[in-house]
Protein backbone atom coordinates (compact mmCIF):
# COMPACT_ATOMS: atom_id res chain seq x y z
CA MET A 1 87.35 -32.96 69.79
CA ASN A 2 90.23 -30.88 68.38
CA VAL A 3 91.62 -28.42 70.95
CA LEU A 4 91.62 -25.51 68.50
CA PHE A 5 88.03 -26.28 67.46
CA GLU A 6 86.99 -26.30 71.12
CA HIS A 7 88.77 -22.96 71.55
CA ALA A 8 86.90 -21.53 68.55
CA ILE A 9 83.52 -22.71 69.90
CA THR A 10 84.28 -21.30 73.36
CA VAL A 11 85.33 -17.94 71.92
CA PHE A 12 82.25 -17.79 69.68
CA MET A 13 79.88 -18.51 72.58
CA ALA A 14 81.58 -15.87 74.72
CA PHE A 15 81.40 -13.21 72.01
CA PHE A 16 77.86 -14.19 71.00
CA ALA A 17 76.64 -13.92 74.59
CA ILE A 18 78.32 -10.60 75.33
CA MET A 19 77.41 -8.94 72.01
CA ASN A 20 73.96 -10.57 72.02
CA PRO A 21 73.06 -9.83 68.36
CA ILE A 22 69.36 -10.55 68.90
CA ALA A 23 68.94 -8.15 71.82
CA ASN A 24 71.10 -5.50 70.16
CA THR A 25 68.91 -5.83 67.08
CA ALA A 26 66.12 -4.29 69.14
CA VAL A 27 68.48 -1.46 70.14
CA PHE A 28 69.44 -0.92 66.52
CA ALA A 29 65.79 -0.89 65.41
CA GLY A 30 64.94 1.67 68.08
CA MET A 31 67.74 3.99 66.98
CA THR A 32 67.23 3.69 63.22
CA GLY A 33 63.49 3.10 62.96
CA ASN A 34 62.99 6.48 61.26
CA LYS A 35 65.75 5.85 58.69
CA THR A 36 65.40 4.47 55.18
CA LYS A 37 66.58 0.93 54.40
CA ILE A 38 69.71 2.25 52.67
CA GLU A 39 70.54 4.47 55.64
CA GLN A 40 70.05 1.55 58.03
CA ILE A 41 72.45 -0.60 56.01
CA LYS A 42 75.07 2.17 56.00
CA ILE A 43 74.73 2.69 59.76
CA ALA A 44 74.93 -1.05 60.44
CA ALA A 45 77.98 -1.47 58.19
CA LYS A 46 79.81 1.47 59.77
CA ALA A 47 79.08 0.29 63.32
CA ILE A 48 80.23 -3.26 62.57
CA ILE A 49 83.44 -2.12 60.83
CA ILE A 50 84.38 0.18 63.74
CA THR A 51 83.60 -2.59 66.23
CA PHE A 52 85.77 -5.09 64.36
CA ILE A 53 88.70 -2.67 64.10
CA ILE A 54 88.59 -1.92 67.84
CA VAL A 55 88.49 -5.60 68.85
CA PHE A 56 91.12 -6.48 66.21
CA ILE A 57 93.54 -3.93 67.69
CA PHE A 58 93.10 -5.14 71.26
CA ALA A 59 93.30 -8.81 70.23
CA VAL A 60 96.54 -8.31 68.28
CA LEU A 61 98.18 -5.87 70.69
CA GLY A 62 96.97 -7.60 73.84
CA LYS A 63 100.37 -8.94 74.90
CA SER A 64 102.12 -5.70 73.98
CA ILE A 65 99.68 -3.78 76.15
CA PHE A 66 100.44 -6.20 78.98
CA HIS A 67 104.18 -5.58 78.72
CA LEU A 68 103.74 -1.81 78.34
CA PHE A 69 101.68 -1.41 81.50
CA GLY A 70 103.13 -4.36 83.41
CA ILE A 71 99.83 -6.24 83.37
CA THR A 72 99.79 -9.99 83.98
CA LEU A 73 97.45 -12.49 82.33
CA PRO A 74 95.90 -13.56 85.68
CA ALA A 75 95.08 -9.89 86.41
CA LEU A 76 93.33 -9.59 83.04
CA ARG A 77 91.42 -12.81 83.56
CA ILE A 78 90.21 -11.79 87.01
CA THR A 79 89.30 -8.21 86.03
CA GLY A 80 87.85 -9.24 82.68
CA GLY A 81 85.93 -12.05 84.34
CA ILE A 82 84.37 -9.62 86.81
CA LEU A 83 83.37 -7.27 83.97
CA VAL A 84 81.87 -10.11 81.93
CA PHE A 85 80.06 -11.44 85.01
CA LEU A 86 78.55 -8.00 85.72
CA VAL A 87 77.25 -7.72 82.15
CA GLY A 88 75.75 -11.20 82.45
CA TYR A 89 74.28 -10.42 85.87
CA HIS A 90 72.37 -7.42 84.52
CA MET A 91 71.19 -9.44 81.49
CA LEU A 92 69.90 -12.17 83.82
CA HIS A 93 67.50 -9.57 85.17
CA GLY A 94 66.38 -8.69 81.66
CA ALA A 95 68.27 -5.38 81.54
CA SER A 96 71.25 -4.08 79.60
CA SER A 97 74.46 -3.57 81.55
CA LYS A 98 75.58 0.04 82.04
CA LEU A 99 78.95 -1.10 80.66
CA HIS A 100 77.36 -1.71 77.25
CA SER A 101 74.70 0.99 77.15
CA VAL A 102 74.27 4.75 77.21
CA LYS A 103 71.36 6.97 78.16
CA VAL A 104 71.92 9.68 75.57
CA HIS A 105 73.17 9.32 72.02
CA ASP A 106 73.93 11.65 69.16
CA GLU A 107 71.34 11.12 66.45
CA SER A 108 73.77 12.46 63.83
CA ASP A 109 76.05 9.43 64.03
CA VAL A 110 74.63 6.57 66.07
CA ALA A 111 76.92 4.14 64.22
CA VAL A 112 79.97 5.38 66.14
CA SER A 113 78.28 6.03 69.48
CA PRO A 114 76.48 4.31 71.01
CA LEU A 115 76.24 1.38 68.56
CA ALA A 116 79.95 0.66 68.01
CA VAL A 117 81.07 2.01 71.39
CA PRO A 118 80.00 1.01 73.97
CA ILE A 119 77.14 -1.30 72.93
CA LEU A 120 79.07 -3.65 70.62
CA ALA A 121 82.71 -2.94 71.50
CA GLY A 122 82.31 -2.31 75.19
CA PRO A 123 84.69 -3.16 78.05
CA GLY A 124 83.33 -6.70 78.29
CA THR A 125 83.89 -7.41 74.58
CA ILE A 126 87.42 -5.97 74.68
CA ALA A 127 88.33 -7.88 77.84
CA THR A 128 87.03 -11.11 76.30
CA ALA A 129 89.06 -10.56 73.12
CA MET A 130 92.24 -9.82 75.06
CA ASN A 131 91.73 -12.78 77.39
CA TYR A 132 91.33 -15.38 74.64
CA SER A 133 94.01 -13.97 72.33
CA ALA A 134 96.63 -13.31 75.01
CA SER A 135 96.29 -16.77 76.56
CA GLY A 136 97.93 -18.43 73.54
CA GLY A 137 100.06 -17.83 70.47
CA TRP A 138 99.34 -16.45 67.01
CA ILE A 139 97.02 -19.35 66.21
CA GLU A 140 94.74 -18.41 69.12
CA ILE A 141 94.87 -14.75 68.06
CA ILE A 142 93.89 -15.65 64.47
CA ILE A 143 91.07 -17.89 65.72
CA THR A 144 89.78 -15.16 68.05
CA ILE A 145 89.79 -12.55 65.28
CA SER A 146 88.25 -14.94 62.72
CA VAL A 147 85.48 -15.98 65.09
CA PHE A 148 84.75 -12.35 65.94
CA ALA A 149 84.60 -11.53 62.20
CA VAL A 150 81.95 -14.25 61.76
CA LEU A 151 79.96 -12.85 64.66
CA CYS A 152 80.21 -9.35 63.18
CA LEU A 153 78.70 -10.72 59.96
CA VAL A 154 75.90 -12.39 61.94
CA THR A 155 75.24 -9.13 63.81
CA PHE A 156 75.17 -7.15 60.55
CA ILE A 157 72.60 -9.55 59.07
CA CYS A 158 70.49 -9.29 62.23
CA PHE A 159 70.62 -5.49 62.04
CA ILE A 160 69.48 -5.23 58.43
CA LEU A 161 66.72 -7.78 59.09
CA SER A 162 65.79 -6.20 62.42
CA ALA A 163 62.14 -5.56 61.60
CA LYS A 164 61.49 -9.17 60.54
CA ILE A 165 63.43 -10.69 63.45
CA LEU A 166 61.65 -8.62 66.09
CA SER A 167 58.24 -9.36 64.58
CA ILE A 168 58.99 -13.10 64.82
CA ILE A 169 60.45 -13.40 68.33
CA GLY A 170 58.44 -10.64 70.02
CA GLU A 171 59.23 -8.98 73.35
CA GLY A 172 58.77 -12.21 75.30
CA GLY A 173 61.24 -14.11 73.13
CA LEU A 174 63.70 -11.23 73.35
CA GLY A 175 63.55 -11.31 77.15
CA ILE A 176 64.16 -15.07 77.24
CA ILE A 177 67.15 -14.82 74.88
CA THR A 178 68.63 -11.96 76.91
CA ARG A 179 68.39 -13.95 80.14
CA LEU A 180 69.89 -17.07 78.56
CA MET A 181 72.82 -15.04 77.22
CA GLY A 182 73.16 -13.49 80.68
CA MET A 183 73.45 -16.93 82.28
CA ILE A 184 76.13 -17.97 79.78
CA LEU A 185 78.06 -14.74 80.35
CA ALA A 186 77.90 -15.07 84.13
CA VAL A 187 79.33 -18.60 83.89
CA ILE A 188 82.06 -17.52 81.44
CA GLY A 189 82.99 -14.60 83.70
CA THR A 190 83.17 -16.87 86.73
CA GLN A 191 85.36 -19.34 84.81
CA MET A 192 87.73 -16.52 83.79
CA VAL A 193 88.07 -15.46 87.44
CA ILE A 194 88.68 -19.05 88.55
CA MET A 195 91.38 -19.50 85.89
CA GLY A 196 93.02 -16.22 86.95
CA ILE A 197 93.04 -17.13 90.64
CA LYS A 198 94.29 -20.64 89.89
CA THR A 199 97.17 -19.21 87.85
CA VAL A 200 98.10 -16.81 90.65
CA PHE A 201 98.47 -19.71 93.10
CA LEU A 202 100.28 -21.94 90.58
CA MET A 203 102.84 -19.31 89.47
CA PRO A 204 104.96 -19.46 92.70
CA ILE A 205 105.03 -23.27 92.48
CA LEU A 206 106.08 -23.24 88.82
CA ASN A 207 108.73 -20.57 89.43
CA ALA A 208 110.13 -22.52 92.38
CA SER A 209 110.47 -25.66 90.28
């Protein structure tokens, strides 16, 4: 299988698991259930656009941010992996992580907060974007952004069809999907930590040679 295609699939699965469009559809429905269909579409579109812009900025400027603050890629992988693992751990128990949820939200503009930040573009999503884009060149950055754009489109469709989707899968199906996504996230987070630790131990050897 082509290396870039494998990278795209890996990135998609990571983003899909951490954004969890199906589970977040229930969140969206709960926040916009009293809105008209037109208002729901506007809220969904605004939230998705803001989310994409945030992730786009961190994906493109990832390496620059590293140089500015003196951050190394292994440090990002380890920290990001821990964040992603924690999100997955909470999802495994059928609950939303505190990193991607809020208790109180402003009804006047739920698209910005909490939908865009922190539910969709939370620390886990940002860390994932920076990890996959910063680990390669411009091709990896373009793939990461393109894959995330596709997932944003999928999430938008899920949001505007929220009523139909939730009526089909039900609460039981939603719980199963959340736990499956949690398992995938926990594994991805662990793999990121392993890669970070492995790089830390390999760097002295490579520098010596």
